[in-house]
Amino acid sequence: MSIDEVIRLLQEIKDLGDSGKETVSKAKSTVKKAKKVAKKVKRAPSAYNKYMKKKMAQLKKKHPRKKHAAIFKQAAKSWKRSPERKRSLK
């Protein structure tokens, strides 16, 4: 459920009057939790993620008709031999 949906629901509950006070307080806490989750900072991509993104782009350009799964498998195999992997293991 998105924040906009929660806010819309809160407004509808407020329109109901006093009978929805408990529901309003629960909904408010849900909105606060949703905002915290929305503000979370993404982690930086790992060496593997960076390598795969770069390698997948190269392979897709070189083999445009090849299936994604086959290209991914090829890129993953090349990761084992790459110097970036050796640096990330230290």
PDB file of N, CA and C in Angstrom:
ATOM      1  N   MET A   1       0.854  -1.175   0.000  1.00  0.00           N
ATOM      2  CA  MET A   1       0.000   0.000   0.000  1.00  0.00           C
ATOM      3  C   MET A   1       0.895   1.231   0.000  1.00  0.00           C
ATOM      4  N   SER A   2       0.605   2.154  -0.890  1.00  0.00           N
ATOM      5  CA  SER A   2       1.429   3.348  -0.991  1.00  0.00           C
ATOM      6  C   SER A   2       1.000   4.391   0.046  1.00  0.00           C
ATOM      7  N   ILE A   3       1.843   5.370   0.220  1.00  0.00           N
ATOM      8  CA  ILE A   3       1.580   6.431   1.186  1.00  0.00           C
ATOM      9  C   ILE A   3       0.334   7.210   0.780  1.00  0.00           C
ATOM     10  N   ASP A   4       0.167   7.436  -0.520  1.00  0.00           N
ATOM     11  CA  ASP A   4      -1.008   8.177  -1.000  1.00  0.00           C
ATOM     12  C   ASP A   4      -2.303   7.443  -0.661  1.00  0.00           C
ATOM     13  N   GLU A   5      -2.281   6.125  -0.792  1.00  0.00           N
ATOM     14  CA  GLU A   5      -3.472   5.345  -0.469  1.00  0.00           C
ATOM     15  C   GLU A   5      -3.798   5.438   1.015  1.00  0.00           C
ATOM     16  N   VAL A   6      -2.760   5.364   1.842  1.00  0.00           N
ATOM     17  CA  VAL A   6      -2.961   5.447   3.292  1.00  0.00           C
ATOM     18  C   VAL A   6      -3.536   6.803   3.667  1.00  0.00           C
ATOM     19  N   ILE A   7      -3.012   7.851   3.070  1.00  0.00           N
ATOM     20  CA  ILE A   7      -3.507   9.203   3.360  1.00  0.00           C
ATOM     21  C   ILE A   7      -4.967   9.329   2.932  1.00  0.00           C
ATOM     22  N   ARG A   8      -5.311   8.781   1.777  1.00  0.00           N
ATOM     23  CA  ARG A   8      -6.697   8.823   1.305  1.00  0.00           C
ATOM     24  C   ARG A   8      -7.614   8.089   2.274  1.00  0.00           C
ATOM     25  N   LEU A   9      -7.158   6.925   2.758  1.00  0.00           N
ATOM     26  CA  LEU A   9      -7.948   6.165   3.721  1.00  0.00           C
ATOM     27  C   LEU A   9      -8.130   6.930   5.023  1.00  0.00           C
ATOM     28  N   LEU A  10      -7.078   7.604   5.464  1.00  0.00           N
ATOM     29  CA  LEU A  10      -7.172   8.424   6.679  1.00  0.00           C
ATOM     30  C   LEU A  10      -8.241   9.498   6.524  1.00  0.00           C
ATOM     31  N   GLN A  11      -8.251  10.123   5.369  1.00  0.00           N
ATOM     32  CA  GLN A  11      -9.238  11.173   5.123  1.00  0.00           C
ATOM     33  C   GLN A  11     -10.656  10.601   5.159  1.00  0.00           C
ATOM     34  N   GLU A  12     -10.837   9.428   4.573  1.00  0.00           N
ATOM     35  CA  GLU A  12     -12.159   8.793   4.586  1.00  0.00           C
ATOM     36  C   GLU A  12     -12.590   8.452   6.014  1.00  0.00           C
ATOM     37  N   ILE A  13     -11.660   7.993   6.828  1.00  0.00           N
ATOM     38  CA  ILE A  13     -11.969   7.640   8.215  1.00  0.00           C
ATOM     39  C   ILE A  13     -12.335   8.888   9.007  1.00  0.00           C
ATOM     40  N   LYS A  14     -11.618   9.979   8.772  1.00  0.00           N
ATOM     41  CA  LYS A  14     -11.936  11.236   9.465  1.00  0.00           C
ATOM     42  C   LYS A  14     -13.344  11.695   9.116  1.00  0.00           C
ATOM     43  N   ASP A  15     -13.737  11.465   7.883  1.00  0.00           N
ATOM     44  CA  ASP A  15     -15.084  11.851   7.457  1.00  0.00           C
ATOM     45  C   ASP A  15     -16.164  11.041   8.172  1.00  0.00           C
ATOM     46  N   LEU A  16     -15.817   9.843   8.644  1.00  0.00           N
ATOM     47  CA  LEU A  16     -16.783   9.000   9.352  1.00  0.00           C
ATOM     48  C   LEU A  16     -17.152   9.571  10.720  1.00  0.00           C
ATOM     49  N   GLY A  17     -16.239  10.306  11.319  1.00  0.00           N
ATOM     50  CA  GLY A  17     -16.523  10.923  12.615  1.00  0.00           C
ATOM     51  C   GLY A  17     -15.821  10.214  13.755  1.00  0.00           C
ATOM     52  N   ASP A  18     -16.424  10.285  14.969  1.00  0.00           N
ATOM     53  CA  ASP A  18     -15.812   9.758  16.182  1.00  0.00           C
ATOM     54  C   ASP A  18     -15.710   8.233  16.196  1.00  0.00           C
ATOM     55  N   SER A  19     -16.501   7.545  15.444  1.00  0.00           N
ATOM     56  CA  SER A  19     -16.490   6.086  15.488  1.00  0.00           C
ATOM     57  C   SER A  19     -15.184   5.484  14.969  1.00  0.00           C
ATOM     58  N   GLY A  20     -14.398   6.253  14.281  1.00  0.00           N
ATOM     59  CA  GLY A  20     -13.176   5.713  13.707  1.00  0.00           C
ATOM     60  C   GLY A  20     -11.901   6.212  14.347  1.00  0.00           C
ATOM     61  N   LYS A  21     -11.963   6.665  15.629  1.00  0.00           N
ATOM     62  CA  LYS A  21     -10.762   7.225  16.260  1.00  0.00           C
ATOM     63  C   LYS A  21      -9.642   6.202  16.414  1.00  0.00           C
ATOM     64  N   GLU A  22      -9.982   4.987  16.819  1.00  0.00           N
ATOM     65  CA  GLU A  22      -8.956   3.941  16.963  1.00  0.00           C
ATOM     66  C   GLU A  22      -8.331   3.629  15.614  1.00  0.00           C
ATOM     67  N   THR A  23      -9.163   3.539  14.631  1.00  0.00           N
ATOM     68  CA  THR A  23      -8.673   3.227  13.291  1.00  0.00           C
ATOM     69  C   THR A  23      -7.766   4.327  12.776  1.00  0.00           C
ATOM     70  N   VAL A  24      -8.101   5.561  13.096  1.00  0.00           N
ATOM     71  CA  VAL A  24      -7.280   6.692  12.675  1.00  0.00           C
ATOM     72  C   VAL A  24      -5.899   6.600  13.307  1.00  0.00           C
ATOM     73  N   SER A  25      -5.830   6.297  14.599  1.00  0.00           N
ATOM     74  CA  SER A  25      -4.529   6.221  15.266  1.00  0.00           C
ATOM     75  C   SER A  25      -3.691   5.079  14.689  1.00  0.00           C
ATOM     76  N   LYS A  26      -4.333   3.958  14.376  1.00  0.00           N
ATOM     77  CA  LYS A  26      -3.604   2.845  13.756  1.00  0.00           C
ATOM     78  C   LYS A  26      -3.112   3.232  12.365  1.00  0.00           C
ATOM     79  N   ALA A  27      -3.954   3.914  11.632  1.00  0.00           N
ATOM     80  CA  ALA A  27      -3.582   4.333  10.283  1.00  0.00           C
ATOM     81  C   ALA A  27      -2.433   5.330  10.314  1.00  0.00           C
ATOM     82  N   LYS A  28      -2.446   6.230  11.303  1.00  0.00           N
ATOM     83  CA  LYS A  28      -1.364   7.205  11.429  1.00  0.00           C
ATOM     84  C   LYS A  28      -0.030   6.513  11.693  1.00  0.00           C
ATOM     85  N   SER A  29      -0.043   5.497  12.565  1.00  0.00           N
ATOM     86  CA  SER A  29       1.196   4.781  12.835  1.00  0.00           C
ATOM     87  C   SER A  29       1.669   4.039  11.589  1.00  0.00           C
ATOM     88  N   THR A  30       0.720   3.551  10.786  1.00  0.00           N
ATOM     89  CA  THR A  30       1.077   2.886   9.538  1.00  0.00           C
ATOM     90  C   THR A  30       1.719   3.871   8.569  1.00  0.00           C
ATOM     91  N   VAL A  31       1.201   5.085   8.528  1.00  0.00           N
ATOM     92  CA  VAL A  31       1.771   6.118   7.661  1.00  0.00           C
ATOM     93  C   VAL A  31       3.193   6.443   8.092  1.00  0.00           C
ATOM     94  N   LYS A  32       3.417   6.556   9.399  1.00  0.00           N
ATOM     95  CA  LYS A  32       4.758   6.855   9.903  1.00  0.00           C
ATOM     96  C   LYS A  32       5.739   5.758   9.506  1.00  0.00           C
ATOM     97  N   LYS A  33       5.307   4.494   9.648  1.00  0.00           N
ATOM     98  CA  LYS A  33       6.171   3.377   9.273  1.00  0.00           C
ATOM     99  C   LYS A  33       6.456   3.393   7.773  1.00  0.00           C
ATOM    100  N   ALA A  34       5.436   3.697   6.986  1.00  0.00           N
ATOM    101  CA  ALA A  34       5.607   3.733   5.532  1.00  0.00           C
ATOM    102  C   ALA A  34       6.588   4.828   5.128  1.00  0.00           C
ATOM    103  N   LYS A  35       6.531   5.966   5.805  1.00  0.00           N
ATOM    104  CA  LYS A  35       7.450   7.056   5.494  1.00  0.00           C
ATOM    105  C   LYS A  35       8.889   6.677   5.850  1.00  0.00           C
ATOM    106  N   LYS A  36       9.067   5.955   6.970  1.00  0.00           N
ATOM    107  CA  LYS A  36      10.411   5.517   7.354  1.00  0.00           C
ATOM    108  C   LYS A  36      10.987   4.578   6.302  1.00  0.00           C
ATOM    109  N   VAL A  37      10.163   3.662   5.829  1.00  0.00           N
ATOM    110  CA  VAL A  37      10.613   2.714   4.816  1.00  0.00           C
ATOM    111  C   VAL A  37      10.956   3.455   3.526  1.00  0.00           C
ATOM    112  N   ALA A  38      10.173   4.453   3.177  1.00  0.00           N
ATOM    113  CA  ALA A  38      10.406   5.216   1.953  1.00  0.00           C
ATOM    114  C   ALA A  38      11.708   6.009   2.027  1.00  0.00           C
ATOM    115  N   LYS A  39      12.112   6.413   3.225  1.00  0.00           N
ATOM    116  CA  LYS A  39      13.318   7.221   3.384  1.00  0.00           C
ATOM    117  C   LYS A  39      14.593   6.392   3.487  1.00  0.00           C
ATOM    118  N   LYS A  40      14.486   5.054   3.541  1.00  0.00           N
ATOM    119  CA  LYS A  40      15.673   4.220   3.669  1.00  0.00           C
ATOM    120  C   LYS A  40      16.631   4.473   2.510  1.00  0.00           C
ATOM    121  N   VAL A  41      17.885   4.472   2.825  1.00  0.00           N
ATOM    122  CA  VAL A  41      18.912   4.709   1.827  1.00  0.00           C
ATOM    123  C   VAL A  41      19.339   3.369   1.240  1.00  0.00           C
ATOM    124  N   LYS A  42      19.453   3.324  -0.075  1.00  0.00           N
ATOM    125  CA  LYS A  42      19.890   2.097  -0.729  1.00  0.00           C
ATOM    126  C   LYS A  42      21.380   1.902  -0.498  1.00  0.00           C
ATOM    127  N   ARG A  43      21.765   0.635  -0.390  1.00  0.00           N
ATOM    128  CA  ARG A  43      23.184   0.335  -0.253  1.00  0.00           C
ATOM    129  C   ARG A  43      23.880   0.547  -1.590  1.00  0.00           C
ATOM    130  N   ALA A  44      25.172   0.782  -1.512  1.00  0.00           N
ATOM    131  CA  ALA A  44      25.970   0.929  -2.724  1.00  0.00           C
ATOM    132  C   ALA A  44      26.097  -0.441  -3.393  1.00  0.00           C
ATOM    133  N   PRO A  45      26.135  -0.481  -4.716  1.00  0.00           N
ATOM    134  CA  PRO A  45      26.255  -1.771  -5.389  1.00  0.00           C
ATOM    135  C   PRO A  45      27.609  -2.419  -5.094  1.00  0.00           C
ATOM    136  N   SER A  46      27.593  -3.732  -4.993  1.00  0.00           N
ATOM    137  CA  SER A  46      28.825  -4.469  -4.715  1.00  0.00           C
ATOM    138  C   SER A  46      29.679  -4.548  -5.972  1.00  0.00           C
ATOM    139  N   ALA A  47      30.894  -5.041  -5.815  1.00  0.00           N
ATOM    140  CA  ALA A  47      31.788  -5.201  -6.959  1.00  0.00           C
ATOM    141  C   ALA A  47      31.153  -6.140  -7.991  1.00  0.00           C
ATOM    142  N   TYR A  48      30.487  -7.181  -7.517  1.00  0.00           N
ATOM    143  CA  TYR A  48      29.814  -8.129  -8.413  1.00  0.00           C
ATOM    144  C   TYR A  48      28.706  -7.432  -9.200  1.00  0.00           C
ATOM    145  N   ASN A  49      27.890  -6.619  -8.522  1.00  0.00           N
ATOM    146  CA  ASN A  49      26.808  -5.902  -9.198  1.00  0.00           C
ATOM    147  C   ASN A  49      27.344  -4.969 -10.281  1.00  0.00           C
ATOM    148  N   LYS A  50      28.399  -4.243  -9.950  1.00  0.00           N
ATOM    149  CA  LYS A  50      28.999  -3.322 -10.918  1.00  0.00           C
ATOM    150  C   LYS A  50      29.557  -4.087 -12.118  1.00  0.00           C
ATOM    151  N   TYR A  51      30.254  -5.186 -11.832  1.00  0.00           N
ATOM    152  CA  TYR A  51      30.844  -5.991 -12.900  1.00  0.00           C
ATOM    153  C   TYR A  51      29.761  -6.555 -13.815  1.00  0.00           C
ATOM    154  N   MET A  52      28.717  -7.120 -13.212  1.00  0.00           N
ATOM    155  CA  MET A  52      27.656  -7.743 -14.000  1.00  0.00           C
ATOM    156  C   MET A  52      26.936  -6.722 -14.866  1.00  0.00           C
ATOM    157  N   LYS A  53      26.702  -5.547 -14.355  1.00  0.00           N
ATOM    158  CA  LYS A  53      26.030  -4.506 -15.133  1.00  0.00           C
ATOM    159  C   LYS A  53      26.860  -4.141 -16.364  1.00  0.00           C
ATOM    160  N   LYS A  54      28.165  -3.960 -16.151  1.00  0.00           N
ATOM    161  CA  LYS A  54      29.060  -3.587 -17.241  1.00  0.00           C
ATOM    162  C   LYS A  54      29.180  -4.731 -18.248  1.00  0.00           C
ATOM    163  N   LYS A  55      29.380  -5.941 -17.747  1.00  0.00           N
ATOM    164  CA  LYS A  55      29.589  -7.106 -18.606  1.00  0.00           C
ATOM    165  C   LYS A  55      28.323  -7.455 -19.391  1.00  0.00           C
ATOM    166  N   MET A  56      27.162  -7.368 -18.743  1.00  0.00           N
ATOM    167  CA  MET A  56      25.904  -7.669 -19.411  1.00  0.00           C
ATOM    168  C   MET A  56      25.683  -6.693 -20.582  1.00  0.00           C
ATOM    169  N   ALA A  57      25.999  -5.430 -20.380  1.00  0.00           N
ATOM    170  CA  ALA A  57      25.841  -4.441 -21.445  1.00  0.00           C
ATOM    171  C   ALA A  57      26.754  -4.770 -22.624  1.00  0.00           C
ATOM    172  N   GLN A  58      27.988  -5.163 -22.320  1.00  0.00           N
ATOM    173  CA  GLN A  58      28.932  -5.525 -23.383  1.00  0.00           C
ATOM    174  C   GLN A  58      28.437  -6.744 -24.158  1.00  0.00           C
ATOM    175  N   LEU A  59      28.008  -7.760 -23.438  1.00  0.00           N
ATOM    176  CA  LEU A  59      27.571  -8.990 -24.083  1.00  0.00           C
ATOM    177  C   LEU A  59      26.291  -8.797 -24.883  1.00  0.00           C
ATOM    178  N   LYS A  60      25.364  -7.982 -24.372  1.00  0.00           N
ATOM    179  CA  LYS A  60      24.126  -7.721 -25.106  1.00  0.00           C
ATOM    180  C   LYS A  60      24.408  -6.975 -26.406  1.00  0.00           C
ATOM    181  N   LYS A  61      25.392  -6.090 -26.370  1.00  0.00           N
ATOM    182  CA  LYS A  61      25.762  -5.349 -27.567  1.00  0.00           C
ATOM    183  C   LYS A  61      26.418  -6.280 -28.587  1.00  0.00           C
ATOM    184  N   LYS A  62      27.231  -7.195 -28.083  1.00  0.00           N
ATOM    185  CA  LYS A  62      27.952  -8.128 -28.948  1.00  0.00           C
ATOM    186  C   LYS A  62      27.022  -9.208 -29.509  1.00  0.00           C
ATOM    187  N   HIS A  63      26.063  -9.670 -28.688  1.00  0.00           N
ATOM    188  CA  HIS A  63      25.132 -10.740 -29.079  1.00  0.00           C
ATOM    189  C   HIS A  63      23.686 -10.279 -28.845  1.00  0.00           C
ATOM    190  N   PRO A  64      23.150  -9.434 -29.717  1.00  0.00           N
ATOM    191  CA  PRO A  64      21.818  -8.864 -29.464  1.00  0.00           C
ATOM    192  C   PRO A  64      20.668  -9.876 -29.506  1.00  0.00           C
ATOM    193  N   ARG A  65      20.826 -10.977 -30.210  1.00  0.00           N
ATOM    194  CA  ARG A  65      19.724 -11.948 -30.334  1.00  0.00           C
ATOM    195  C   ARG A  65      19.793 -13.069 -29.309  1.00  0.00           C
ATOM    196  N   LYS A  66      20.843 -13.097 -28.542  1.00  0.00           N
ATOM    197  CA  LYS A  66      20.999 -14.143 -27.526  1.00  0.00           C
ATOM    198  C   LYS A  66      20.056 -13.884 -26.359  1.00  0.00           C
ATOM    199  N   LYS A  67      19.550 -14.942 -25.756  1.00  0.00           N
ATOM    200  CA  LYS A  67      18.621 -14.803 -24.634  1.00  0.00           C
ATOM    201  C   LYS A  67      19.332 -14.232 -23.409  1.00  0.00           C
ATOM    202  N   HIS A  68      18.547 -13.526 -22.589  1.00  0.00           N
ATOM    203  CA  HIS A  68      19.086 -12.879 -21.387  1.00  0.00           C
ATOM    204  C   HIS A  68      19.724 -13.902 -20.444  1.00  0.00           C
ATOM    205  N   ALA A  69      19.062 -15.036 -20.265  1.00  0.00           N
ATOM    206  CA  ALA A  69      19.563 -16.061 -19.336  1.00  0.00           C
ATOM    207  C   ALA A  69      20.929 -16.576 -19.776  1.00  0.00           C
ATOM    208  N   ALA A  70      21.099 -16.775 -21.069  1.00  0.00           N
ATOM    209  CA  ALA A  70      22.380 -17.267 -21.585  1.00  0.00           C
ATOM    210  C   ALA A  70      23.482 -16.226 -21.403  1.00  0.00           C
ATOM    211  N   ILE A  71      23.135 -14.973 -21.647  1.00  0.00           N
ATOM    212  CA  ILE A  71      24.120 -13.890 -21.470  1.00  0.00           C
ATOM    213  C   ILE A  71      24.490 -13.764 -20.000  1.00  0.00           C
ATOM    214  N   PHE A  72      23.502 -13.863 -19.125  1.00  0.00           N
ATOM    215  CA  PHE A  72      23.763 -13.751 -17.684  1.00  0.00           C
ATOM    216  C   PHE A  72      24.686 -14.877 -17.230  1.00  0.00           C
ATOM    217  N   LYS A  73      24.438 -16.083 -17.721  1.00  0.00           N
ATOM    218  CA  LYS A  73      25.262 -17.240 -17.356  1.00  0.00           C
ATOM    219  C   LYS A  73      26.700 -17.026 -17.797  1.00  0.00           C
ATOM    220  N   GLN A  74      26.863 -16.520 -19.008  1.00  0.00           N
ATOM    221  CA  GLN A  74      28.196 -16.254 -19.541  1.00  0.00           C
ATOM    222  C   GLN A  74      28.913 -15.181 -18.715  1.00  0.00           C
ATOM    223  N   ALA A  75      28.194 -14.132 -18.346  1.00  0.00           N
ATOM    224  CA  ALA A  75      28.787 -13.057 -17.548  1.00  0.00           C
ATOM    225  C   ALA A  75      29.168 -13.566 -16.156  1.00  0.00           C
ATOM    226  N   ALA A  76      28.334 -14.409 -15.575  1.00  0.00           N
ATOM    227  CA  ALA A  76      28.621 -14.949 -14.244  1.00  0.00           C
ATOM    228  C   ALA A  76      29.858 -15.840 -14.270  1.00  0.00           C
ATOM    229  N   LYS A  77      30.004 -16.618 -15.331  1.00  0.00           N
ATOM    230  CA  LYS A  77      31.205 -17.456 -15.458  1.00  0.00           C
ATOM    231  C   LYS A  77      32.457 -16.596 -15.587  1.00  0.00           C
ATOM    232  N   SER A  78      32.350 -15.505 -16.336  1.00  0.00           N
ATOM    233  CA  SER A  78      33.523 -14.649 -16.516  1.00  0.00           C
ATOM    234  C   SER A  78      33.890 -13.920 -15.221  1.00  0.00           C
ATOM    235  N   TRP A  79      32.933 -13.759 -14.306  1.00  0.00           N
ATOM    236  CA  TRP A  79      33.203 -13.124 -13.005  1.00  0.00           C
ATOM    237  C   TRP A  79      34.232 -13.925 -12.222  1.00  0.00           C
ATOM    238  N   LYS A  80      34.182 -15.250 -12.333  1.00  0.00           N
ATOM    239  CA  LYS A  80      35.111 -16.095 -11.587  1.00  0.00           C
ATOM    240  C   LYS A  80      36.563 -15.813 -11.969  1.00  0.00           C
ATOM    241  N   ARG A  81      36.766 -15.456 -13.225  1.00  0.00           N
ATOM    242  CA  ARG A  81      38.136 -15.227 -13.709  1.00  0.00           C
ATOM    243  C   ARG A  81      38.548 -13.753 -13.670  1.00  0.00           C
ATOM    244  N   SER A  82      37.661 -12.877 -13.309  1.00  0.00           N
ATOM    245  CA  SER A  82      37.935 -11.444 -13.428  1.00  0.00           C
ATOM    246  C   SER A  82      38.836 -10.920 -12.307  1.00  0.00           C
ATOM    247  N   PRO A  83      39.629  -9.913 -12.631  1.00  0.00           N
ATOM    248  CA  PRO A  83      40.487  -9.302 -11.603  1.00  0.00           C
ATOM    249  C   PRO A  83      39.676  -8.529 -10.548  1.00  0.00           C
ATOM    250  N   GLU A  84      38.476  -8.061 -10.917  1.00  0.00           N
ATOM    251  CA  GLU A  84      37.631  -7.359  -9.955  1.00  0.00           C
ATOM    252  C   GLU A  84      37.233  -8.281  -8.806  1.00  0.00           C
ATOM    253  N   ARG A  85      36.989  -9.545  -9.112  1.00  0.00           N
ATOM    254  CA  ARG A  85      36.612 -10.522  -8.085  1.00  0.00           C
ATOM    255  C   ARG A  85      37.760 -10.724  -7.107  1.00  0.00           C
ATOM    256  N   LYS A  86      38.939 -10.835  -7.646  1.00  0.00           N
ATOM    257  CA  LYS A  86      40.111 -11.056  -6.789  1.00  0.00           C
ATOM    258  C   LYS A  86      40.322  -9.884  -5.845  1.00  0.00           C
ATOM    259  N   ARG A  87      40.039  -8.668  -6.345  1.00  0.00           N
ATOM    260  CA  ARG A  87      40.171  -7.488  -5.479  1.00  0.00           C
ATOM    261  C   ARG A  87      39.086  -7.450  -4.397  1.00  0.00           C
ATOM    262  N   SER A  88      37.903  -7.922  -4.747  1.00  0.00           N
ATOM    263  CA  SER A  88      36.803  -7.868  -3.788  1.00  0.00           C
ATOM    264  C   SER A  88      36.944  -8.917  -2.689  1.00  0.00           C
ATOM    265  N   LEU A  89      37.738  -9.950  -2.913  1.00  0.00           N
ATOM    266  CA  LEU A  89      37.920 -10.998  -1.919  1.00  0.00           C
ATOM    267  C   LEU A  89      38.910 -10.605  -0.840  1.00  0.00           C
ATOM    268  N   LYS A  90      39.685  -9.580  -1.073  1.00  0.00           N
ATOM    269  CA  LYS A  90      40.696  -9.178  -0.089  1.00  0.00           C
ATOM    270  C   LYS A  90      40.095  -8.525   1.102  1.00  0.00           C
TER     271      LYS A  90
END
